[in-house]
Protein backbone atom coordinates (compact mmCIF):
# COMPACT_ATOMS: atom_id res chain seq x y z
CA MET A 1 33.80 23.73 66.59
CA GLN A 2 33.59 26.39 63.97
CA SER A 3 34.54 29.94 64.23
CA GLN A 4 32.04 32.37 65.19
CA SER A 5 32.80 34.22 61.89
CA PHE A 6 31.15 31.24 60.10
CA PHE A 7 28.08 31.10 61.94
CA ARG A 8 26.28 34.51 62.08
CA THR A 9 22.86 35.88 63.02
CA PRO A 10 20.82 37.45 60.15
CA GLN A 11 21.47 41.03 61.50
CA GLN A 12 25.34 39.93 61.41
CA ARG A 13 24.97 38.80 57.84
CA ARG A 14 23.02 41.91 56.39
CA PRO A 15 26.47 43.77 55.55
CA GLU A 16 27.62 40.56 53.70
CA LEU A 17 24.52 40.38 51.77
CA ARG A 18 24.88 43.93 50.76
CA SER A 19 28.43 43.22 49.70
CA ARG A 20 27.41 40.37 47.75
CA LEU A 21 24.58 42.37 45.89
CA CYS A 22 27.11 45.00 44.99
CA LEU A 23 29.51 42.44 43.79
CA ALA A 24 26.85 40.64 41.63
CA LEU A 25 25.61 44.04 40.32
CA ALA A 26 29.35 44.83 39.30
CA GLY A 27 29.52 41.58 37.62
CA CYS A 28 26.40 42.13 35.58
CA LEU A 29 27.41 45.61 34.60
CA LEU A 30 30.91 44.32 33.49
CA ALA A 31 29.21 41.59 31.37
CA MET A 32 27.09 44.20 29.63
CA GLY A 33 30.11 46.56 28.95
CA ALA A 34 28.90 49.21 31.52
CA MET A 35 31.58 48.76 34.15
CA PRO A 36 34.29 50.97 32.72
CA ALA A 37 32.00 53.87 32.41
CA MET A 38 30.79 53.22 36.01
CA ALA A 39 34.37 53.19 37.35
CA GLN A 40 35.17 56.42 35.65
CA SER A 41 32.26 58.21 37.55
CA LEU A 42 33.26 56.83 41.08
CA THR A 43 34.44 59.17 43.71
CA PRO A 44 37.72 58.17 45.46
CA GLN A 45 35.67 57.40 48.60
CA GLU A 46 33.15 55.15 46.70
CA ARG A 47 36.00 53.41 44.98
CA GLU A 48 37.68 52.59 48.39
CA GLU A 49 34.33 51.24 49.72
CA ILE A 50 34.16 48.90 46.80
CA VAL A 51 37.53 47.68 47.21
CA GLU A 52 37.01 46.96 50.88
CA GLN A 53 33.99 44.99 50.20
CA LEU A 54 35.49 42.89 47.58
CA ARG A 55 38.20 42.23 50.24
CA GLN A 56 35.83 41.08 52.86
CA LEU A 57 33.93 38.89 50.36
CA ARG A 58 37.28 37.24 49.45
CA GLU A 59 38.04 36.54 53.20
CA GLN A 60 34.54 35.16 53.70
CA GLN A 61 34.96 32.69 50.83
CA ALA A 62 38.34 31.60 52.44
CA ARG A 63 36.71 30.91 55.54
CA ILE A 64 33.89 28.98 54.13
CA ALA A 65 36.34 26.73 52.05
CA GLU A 66 38.35 26.15 55.23
CA ALA A 67 35.16 25.12 57.26
CA GLN A 68 33.95 22.84 54.35
CA GLN A 69 37.54 21.06 54.47
CA LYS A 70 37.29 20.56 58.06
CA LEU A 71 33.80 18.93 57.86
CA GLU A 72 34.97 16.70 55.04
CA THR A 73 38.06 15.54 57.05
CA ARG A 74 35.90 14.71 60.08
CA LEU A 75 33.31 12.51 57.79
CA GLY A 76 36.36 10.83 56.05
CA ILE A 77 35.35 12.02 52.55
CA ALA A 78 38.34 14.58 52.20
CA GLY A 79 39.12 15.32 48.56
CA VAL A 80 35.50 15.31 47.37
CA PRO A 81 35.06 18.26 45.03
CA ALA A 82 32.60 20.90 45.88
CA ALA A 83 29.00 19.78 44.60
CA SER A 84 27.52 21.95 42.19
CA ALA A 85 24.05 23.11 42.30
CA PRO A 86 21.61 20.69 41.18
CA ALA A 87 20.19 21.02 37.74
CA PRO A 88 16.59 22.07 37.85
CA ALA A 89 14.24 19.13 37.15
CA PRO A 90 12.68 19.42 33.53
CA ALA A 91 9.24 20.67 33.33
CA PRO A 92 6.50 18.27 32.19
CA ALA A 93 6.16 18.32 28.63
CA SER A 94 2.82 20.00 27.75
CA PRO A 95 1.08 19.14 24.35
CA VAL A 96 1.30 22.62 23.33
CA ALA A 97 5.09 23.07 24.03
CA ALA A 98 5.85 19.38 22.50
CA ALA A 99 4.20 20.66 19.07
CA SER A 100 7.50 22.74 18.15
CA PRO A 101 7.34 24.92 14.91
CA ALA A 102 9.46 22.33 13.20
CA ALA A 103 6.98 19.59 14.14
CA MET A 104 4.10 21.55 13.06
CA ASP A 105 5.89 22.12 9.57
CA ARG A 106 5.60 18.50 9.14
CA LEU A 107 1.92 18.25 9.66
CA THR A 108 -0.62 18.89 6.89
CA VAL A 109 -4.24 18.96 7.73
CA SER A 110 -7.08 19.02 4.90
CA GLY A 111 -10.66 18.49 4.58
CA ASP A 112 -13.91 19.34 2.75
CA LEU A 113 -17.70 19.56 3.64
CA ARG A 114 -20.39 19.13 0.96
CA VAL A 115 -24.12 19.62 0.95
CA ARG A 116 -26.09 18.32 -1.81
CA MET A 117 -29.74 18.46 -3.07
CA GLN A 118 -30.79 15.53 -5.45
CA GLY A 119 -33.75 14.83 -7.63
CA ASP A 120 -34.57 11.51 -9.29
CA HIS A 121 -37.15 11.06 -11.99
CA SER A 122 -38.53 8.25 -13.88
CA LYS A 123 -41.87 7.53 -15.75
CA PRO A 124 -42.97 4.73 -13.60
CA ASN A 125 -41.91 6.25 -10.14
CA GLY A 126 -42.47 9.96 -10.73
CA THR A 127 -39.96 12.29 -8.95
CA SER A 128 -38.48 12.00 -5.56
CA ASN A 129 -36.15 14.58 -3.72
CA SER A 130 -33.48 13.84 -1.21
CA SER A 131 -30.40 15.64 0.52
CA GLN A 132 -27.15 14.41 1.33
CA LEU A 133 -24.10 15.29 3.21
CA ARG A 134 -20.34 14.57 2.92
CA GLY A 135 -17.59 15.48 5.44
CA ARG A 136 -13.94 14.64 5.32
CA LEU A 137 -10.98 15.41 7.65
CA GLY A 138 -7.56 14.18 6.86
CA ALA A 139 -4.07 14.60 8.07
CA ALA A 140 -0.55 13.62 7.12
CA TYR A 141 2.66 13.94 9.04
CA GLU A 142 6.27 13.44 7.94
CA VAL A 143 7.95 11.42 10.74
CA ASN A 144 11.19 11.96 8.91
CA ASP A 145 12.46 12.44 5.45
CA ARG A 146 11.78 8.82 4.48
CA ILE A 147 8.57 7.84 6.39
CA GLY A 148 5.02 9.46 6.72
CA ILE A 149 1.69 8.55 8.05
CA GLY A 150 -1.73 9.66 7.06
CA ALA A 151 -5.32 9.01 8.09
CA ARG A 152 -8.78 10.52 7.19
CA LEU A 153 -12.11 10.62 8.76
CA THR A 154 -15.28 10.53 6.56
CA THR A 155 -18.97 10.26 6.76
CA GLY A 156 -20.80 7.54 5.03
CA ASP A 157 -21.71 3.75 5.37
CA TYR A 158 -18.51 1.99 6.23
CA ASN A 159 -19.73 -1.10 4.57
CA ASP A 160 -20.15 0.75 1.22
CA PRO A 161 -16.64 1.48 -0.23
CA ASN A 162 -17.67 3.66 -3.08
CA SER A 163 -19.78 6.14 -1.28
CA THR A 164 -19.14 8.59 1.60
CA ASP A 165 -22.35 10.56 1.34
CA VAL A 166 -24.97 10.41 4.31
CA GLN A 167 -28.70 10.55 3.49
CA LEU A 168 -30.24 13.24 5.65
CA SER A 169 -33.30 11.39 7.19
CA ASN A 170 -33.57 8.79 9.85
CA TRP A 171 -35.26 11.11 12.41
CA ASP A 172 -32.12 13.16 12.87
CA ASP A 173 -29.97 10.22 13.97
CA GLY A 174 -26.25 10.83 14.42
CA LEU A 175 -23.98 10.49 11.31
CA ARG A 176 -21.80 7.53 10.79
CA VAL A 177 -18.17 8.23 10.63
CA SER A 178 -15.33 6.02 9.83
CA LEU A 179 -11.75 5.90 8.71
CA ASP A 180 -11.40 5.77 4.84
CA LEU A 181 -7.66 6.20 4.91
CA ALA A 182 -4.99 4.91 7.51
CA TYR A 183 -1.69 4.36 6.12
CA VAL A 184 2.21 4.51 6.38
CA GLN A 185 4.18 5.96 3.39
CA PHE A 186 7.79 5.20 2.62
CA ASN A 187 9.47 7.84 0.50
CA LEU A 188 12.40 6.28 -1.63
CA GLY A 189 13.16 9.06 -4.05
CA ASP A 190 11.02 8.54 -7.03
CA LEU A 191 9.37 5.47 -5.42
CA LYS A 192 6.63 5.79 -2.92
CA LEU A 193 5.36 2.84 -1.09
CA HIS A 194 1.90 2.64 1.05
CA ALA A 195 0.56 0.12 3.30
CA GLY A 196 -2.54 0.07 5.12
CA LYS A 197 -5.90 1.57 3.92
CA ILE A 198 -4.22 3.53 1.20
CA PRO A 199 -4.77 6.29 -1.51
CA GLN A 200 -5.80 5.16 -5.04
CA PRO A 201 -2.46 4.54 -6.77
CA PHE A 202 -3.84 4.33 -10.36
CA ALA A 203 -4.78 7.03 -12.92
CA ARG A 204 -8.46 6.48 -12.96
CA THR A 205 -12.02 7.51 -14.07
CA ASP A 206 -15.40 6.55 -12.56
CA LEU A 207 -15.98 3.97 -15.27
CA VAL A 208 -13.82 1.31 -13.38
CA TRP A 209 -12.81 2.97 -10.11
CA ASP A 210 -15.32 5.10 -8.24
CA GLY A 211 -13.69 8.21 -6.71
CA ASP A 212 -14.47 7.20 -3.14
CA VAL A 213 -12.88 3.86 -3.43
CA ASN A 214 -9.49 3.64 -1.48
CA PRO A 215 -8.04 0.16 -1.59
CA GLN A 216 -6.52 -1.71 1.30
CA GLY A 217 -3.08 -3.50 1.19
CA ILE A 218 0.23 -2.33 -0.31
CA SER A 219 0.94 -0.15 -3.17
CA ALA A 220 4.03 1.01 -5.09
CA VAL A 221 4.07 4.09 -7.28
CA TYR A 222 7.20 5.04 -9.23
CA LYS A 223 7.32 8.40 -11.14
CA THR A 224 10.41 9.82 -12.67
CA PRO A 225 10.82 12.89 -14.82
CA LEU A 226 12.31 12.38 -18.52
CA ASP A 227 14.38 14.52 -20.69
CA GLY A 228 12.28 17.46 -22.22
CA GLY A 229 9.65 17.71 -19.44
CA GLY A 230 7.75 14.33 -19.71
CA ALA A 231 7.44 11.77 -16.99
CA PHE A 232 7.13 8.00 -16.78
CA ARG A 233 4.79 6.40 -14.27
CA ALA A 234 4.33 2.95 -12.93
CA GLY A 235 2.15 1.56 -10.08
CA ALA A 236 1.35 -1.64 -8.53
CA LEU A 237 -1.30 -2.72 -5.88
CA ALA A 238 -1.85 -5.95 -3.87
CA PHE A 239 -5.48 -5.71 -2.48
CA PRO A 240 -6.60 -8.31 -0.01
CA ILE A 241 -10.59 -8.10 -0.36
CA ASP A 242 -11.72 -10.98 1.94
CA LYS A 243 -9.02 -12.72 4.04
CA ARG A 244 -9.80 -16.06 5.83
CA ALA A 245 -7.77 -18.11 8.32
CA THR A 246 -8.80 -21.30 6.34
CA GLY A 247 -10.42 -21.91 2.93
CA PRO A 248 -10.47 -19.96 -0.17
CA GLU A 249 -9.72 -16.11 -0.27
CA SER A 250 -10.73 -12.95 -2.37
CA TYR A 251 -7.92 -10.65 -3.39
CA MET A 252 -6.98 -8.48 -6.33
CA GLY A 253 -3.33 -7.74 -7.89
CA GLY A 254 -3.06 -4.90 -10.34
CA ALA A 255 -0.38 -2.94 -12.19
CA GLN A 256 -0.44 0.41 -14.45
CA VAL A 257 2.16 2.21 -16.54
CA GLY A 258 1.76 5.66 -17.86
CA TYR A 259 3.29 8.46 -19.63
CA ASP A 260 2.84 12.21 -19.37
CA SER A 261 4.08 14.20 -22.23
CA PRO A 262 5.88 17.64 -22.19
CA ALA A 263 4.11 20.63 -23.70
CA HIS A 264 4.05 20.55 -27.44
CA GLY A 265 2.98 24.16 -28.16
CA PRO A 266 -0.55 24.60 -26.54
CA PHE A 267 -0.96 20.71 -26.30
CA LYS A 268 -0.10 17.99 -23.83
CA PHE A 269 -1.22 14.45 -23.50
CA ASP A 270 -1.06 11.45 -21.25
CA VAL A 271 -1.86 7.75 -21.52
CA SER A 272 -2.19 4.92 -18.89
CA ALA A 273 -2.60 1.17 -19.27
CA GLY A 274 -3.57 -1.10 -16.39
CA TYR A 275 -4.33 -4.71 -15.77
CA TYR A 276 -6.40 -5.81 -12.69
CA ALA A 277 -7.03 -9.37 -11.86
CA TYR A 278 -9.39 -10.38 -9.32
CA ARG A 279 -9.72 -13.78 -7.56
CA LEU A 280 -12.99 -13.97 -5.78
CA GLY A 281 -12.85 -17.15 -3.95
CA ASN A 282 -14.62 -16.10 -0.69
CA LEU A 283 -17.80 -13.97 -0.94
CA SER A 284 -19.20 -14.59 2.62
CA THR A 285 -18.91 -10.91 3.52
CA ALA A 286 -20.17 -9.51 0.35
CA ASP A 287 -23.70 -7.92 0.38
CA ALA A 288 -25.97 -6.29 -2.20
CA GLY A 289 -23.96 -3.08 -2.30
CA ASP A 290 -21.19 -5.18 -3.57
CA TRP A 291 -23.05 -7.37 -6.05
CA ARG A 292 -25.10 -4.43 -7.39
CA THR A 293 -25.71 -5.25 -11.09
CA ASN A 294 -23.14 -7.87 -11.98
CA ARG A 295 -24.62 -11.30 -13.12
CA LEU A 296 -24.57 -14.19 -10.39
CA ARG A 297 -24.67 -17.86 -10.59
CA PRO A 298 -27.85 -19.65 -9.66
CA GLY A 299 -26.12 -21.11 -6.65
CA GLY A 300 -24.45 -17.89 -5.67
CA GLY A 301 -21.24 -16.14 -6.58
CA TYR A 302 -20.18 -14.21 -9.66
CA LEU A 303 -21.13 -15.59 -13.17
CA SER A 304 -17.98 -14.06 -14.75
CA ASP A 305 -14.38 -13.71 -13.61
CA TYR A 306 -12.88 -10.27 -13.63
CA ARG A 307 -9.47 -9.76 -15.34
CA LEU A 308 -9.69 -6.09 -16.51
CA LEU A 309 -7.50 -4.49 -19.14
CA ASP A 310 -8.13 -0.66 -18.82
CA VAL A 311 -6.82 2.03 -21.10
CA ILE A 312 -7.17 5.71 -20.33
CA GLY A 313 -5.82 8.57 -22.56
CA GLY A 314 -6.09 12.28 -22.22
CA LEU A 315 -5.31 15.41 -24.31
CA THR A 316 -5.04 19.00 -23.03
CA TRP A 317 -5.18 22.22 -25.12
CA GLN A 318 -4.38 25.35 -23.12
CA GLY A 319 -4.82 27.99 -25.92
CA ALA A 320 -4.40 31.63 -25.43
CA ASN A 321 -6.53 32.00 -22.31
CA GLU A 322 -5.33 30.39 -19.08
CA ARG A 323 -8.96 30.31 -17.72
CA TRP A 324 -10.48 28.11 -20.66
CA PRO A 325 -8.18 24.96 -21.04
CA LEU A 326 -9.93 22.24 -23.10
CA ARG A 327 -9.55 18.66 -21.77
CA VAL A 328 -10.58 15.40 -23.45
CA THR A 329 -10.45 12.08 -21.55
CA GLY A 330 -11.24 8.66 -22.95
CA ASP A 331 -11.33 5.36 -21.08
CA TYR A 332 -11.68 1.79 -22.53
CA VAL A 333 -12.17 -1.34 -20.35
CA LYS A 334 -12.45 -4.98 -21.32
CA ASN A 335 -13.03 -7.86 -19.08
CA LEU A 336 -10.79 -10.75 -20.19
CA GLY A 337 -12.64 -13.15 -17.76
CA ALA A 338 -16.28 -12.59 -18.90
CA VAL A 339 -18.16 -15.65 -19.67
CA ASP A 340 -19.54 -14.04 -22.99
CA ASP A 341 -19.44 -10.81 -24.92
CA GLN A 342 -20.79 -8.74 -22.19
CA ASP A 343 -17.35 -7.66 -21.57
CA THR A 344 -16.79 -4.05 -22.65
CA GLY A 345 -17.21 -0.53 -21.43
CA PHE A 346 -15.88 2.88 -22.58
CA GLY A 347 -16.29 6.71 -21.62
CA VAL A 348 -15.60 10.12 -22.88
CA ASP A 349 -15.48 13.33 -21.07
CA VAL A 350 -14.92 16.89 -22.72
CA SER A 351 -14.36 19.80 -20.24
CA LEU A 352 -13.88 23.42 -21.01
CA GLY A 353 -12.68 25.89 -18.35
CA ARG A 354 -10.96 25.66 -14.89
CA ALA A 355 -12.53 25.85 -11.45
CA SER A 356 -9.60 26.84 -9.18
CA ARG A 357 -9.84 30.52 -8.74
CA PRO A 358 -12.73 32.94 -7.78
CA GLY A 359 -14.77 33.76 -10.84
CA ASP A 360 -13.95 30.41 -12.62
CA TRP A 361 -16.34 28.36 -14.74
CA ARG A 362 -16.07 24.80 -15.96
CA PHE A 363 -18.33 22.96 -18.26
CA THR A 364 -18.21 19.09 -18.84
CA TYR A 365 -19.97 16.70 -21.00
CA GLY A 366 -19.63 13.09 -20.64
CA TYR A 367 -20.79 9.85 -22.30
CA ALA A 368 -20.37 6.30 -21.00
CA GLN A 369 -21.50 2.86 -21.83
CA THR A 370 -20.88 -0.57 -20.33
CA ASP A 371 -21.88 -4.17 -20.60
CA VAL A 372 -23.16 -6.05 -17.57
CA ASP A 373 -19.97 -7.71 -16.62
CA ALA A 374 -17.50 -5.14 -18.15
CA VAL A 375 -16.37 -4.04 -14.54
CA LEU A 376 -16.63 -5.22 -11.05
CA ALA A 377 -19.58 -3.24 -9.87
CA ALA A 378 -18.47 -3.30 -6.09
CA PHE A 379 -15.80 -0.56 -6.96
CA SER A 380 -17.16 1.16 -9.87
CA ASN A 381 -19.29 4.12 -10.64
CA ASP A 382 -21.76 4.97 -7.91
CA ASN A 383 -23.23 8.21 -9.26
CA ILE A 384 -26.39 6.71 -10.78
CA GLY A 385 -28.83 3.98 -10.01
CA ILE A 386 -27.28 1.55 -12.25
CA ALA A 387 -23.91 0.14 -11.70
CA THR A 388 -23.26 -1.51 -15.11
CA ASN A 389 -25.19 -2.29 -18.14
CA TYR A 390 -26.08 1.31 -18.76
CA LYS A 391 -25.83 4.24 -21.43
CA LEU A 392 -25.25 7.52 -19.58
CA HIS A 393 -25.05 11.21 -20.61
CA SER A 394 -23.93 13.70 -18.19
CA LEU A 395 -23.60 17.45 -17.95
CA THR A 396 -21.80 19.45 -15.30
CA VAL A 397 -21.38 23.02 -14.55
CA ASP A 398 -19.00 24.05 -11.69
CA TYR A 399 -18.48 27.58 -10.54
CA THR A 400 -15.95 29.10 -8.07
CA PRO A 401 -17.57 31.95 -6.11
CA MET A 402 -14.73 32.31 -3.70
CA PRO A 403 -11.39 30.79 -2.46
CA LYS A 404 -11.88 27.11 -1.22
CA THR A 405 -15.40 26.84 -2.53
CA MET A 406 -17.51 25.51 -5.43
CA VAL A 407 -21.10 25.32 -6.61
CA SER A 408 -21.75 22.57 -8.95
CA ALA A 409 -25.00 21.39 -10.97
CA ILE A 410 -24.96 17.77 -12.52
CA TRP A 411 -27.42 16.30 -14.73
CA TYR A 412 -27.44 12.50 -15.53
CA HIS A 413 -29.58 11.05 -18.29
CA TYR A 414 -29.33 7.27 -18.36
CA LYS A 415 -30.96 4.02 -19.25
CA PRO A 416 -30.29 0.14 -19.38
CA ASN A 417 -27.76 -0.78 -22.16
CA ASP A 418 -29.05 -4.21 -22.72
CA PRO A 419 -32.91 -4.82 -22.04
CA ALA A 420 -32.17 -8.45 -20.95
CA TYR A 421 -30.33 -7.20 -17.96
CA ALA A 422 -32.51 -4.34 -16.99
CA GLY A 423 -33.51 -5.89 -13.73
CA ALA A 424 -36.06 -3.61 -11.88
CA ASN A 425 -35.27 -0.65 -14.27
CA PRO A 426 -37.80 0.02 -17.35
CA PRO A 427 -35.87 -1.50 -20.36
CA GLY A 428 -36.37 1.39 -22.70
CA ASP A 429 -37.10 4.33 -20.51
CA TRP A 430 -34.51 7.06 -19.73
CA LEU A 431 -33.99 7.98 -15.94
CA ASP A 432 -32.83 11.50 -14.76
CA ARG A 433 -30.88 12.55 -11.89
CA LEU A 434 -30.21 16.24 -10.97
CA ARG A 435 -27.64 17.19 -8.38
CA LEU A 436 -26.85 20.69 -7.05
CA PHE A 437 -24.20 20.94 -4.42
CA PHE A 438 -22.14 23.41 -2.30
CA LEU A 439 -18.45 22.40 -1.41
CA VAL A 440 -16.01 24.06 0.94
CA ASN A 441 -12.55 22.60 1.25
CA PHE A 442 -9.22 23.44 3.02
């Protein structure tokens, strides 16, 4: 049996508890550097009481150790070290706690919302008005220094790759939303690789690539600085368009190289040259939004092949006032796979001003002209009612009233280029489209 000094009643243990509390308090004060000052203020009687309490605690600890050793001997486990207090179980990770500041620093969220009014006018059809909405919400996360992931939700018809706008009508039906970006990114210094539904890897204008088109597949973009402040660019894209388990497939392979010059006084320039080769062997999933105005064979399928040579050049003049830069951009495309001379397109845009800070204005005039098979209409300009075979004048006025906002007005004045391929449009009549929109972005 154990000694009676080991098994005590609560009343008998109270002096010991008081002694333990005093000893613990003394230890805390000593750790904080307060014990020396306290010892100096004690009376001789108080000092003796504390010394006696310490002696009693040491004796009690010796009795507990002796009793523990006897119990271990009886159980045949002598020599087992005293068990330490079990570590508290980790608390379940909460979503908020898991998002540490370091992790949040690697997350980037962005988006925009645009509301737009549109008016279309033509002589045979008169004037029609409509309104559209576009919303986009994207996020990118740096998993580590080498790998990132990204995705973006957007409104619009997921069967239409070159438009994210929703027509406000249909008896207040809900809006369609889909993923127009979902990718993994590999960062290898100057080289960046993307796989999935990926951002556009090429320098572009709407003449060949509409701004809403994000290809799918694999891309590589290499950009390296050069001596003097310029940069060299190169990009490549493998783009599966219609994949089948058996039979012919549709896909595209393309590449582009470019150069960005350093500043030469107030001037800078850039140039890009690309080649995009399409093999359209399977068209079973294509619809009217993909054919648009390209010519078709009597039995179905595109009349021309599409092997596009695309050259883009730009010149920027900053001048004395940073609010009024002048920018000229030209784009020339030739379809080397066209069956005849309906194979060429070009465009020129001239802009004055900027639209990045409150109070900024920007004015842009553009002219573009294409033959009917100059570009693949499925992925080209979607701003007017004719996808190819057009002559187009455009005038844009942008104003930034406050941070992260823009008000814009755009006038499109266009008609068929070649009356032989005018389709349902009046061959010689000009059509007009006026757009007014308000954009908020973050």
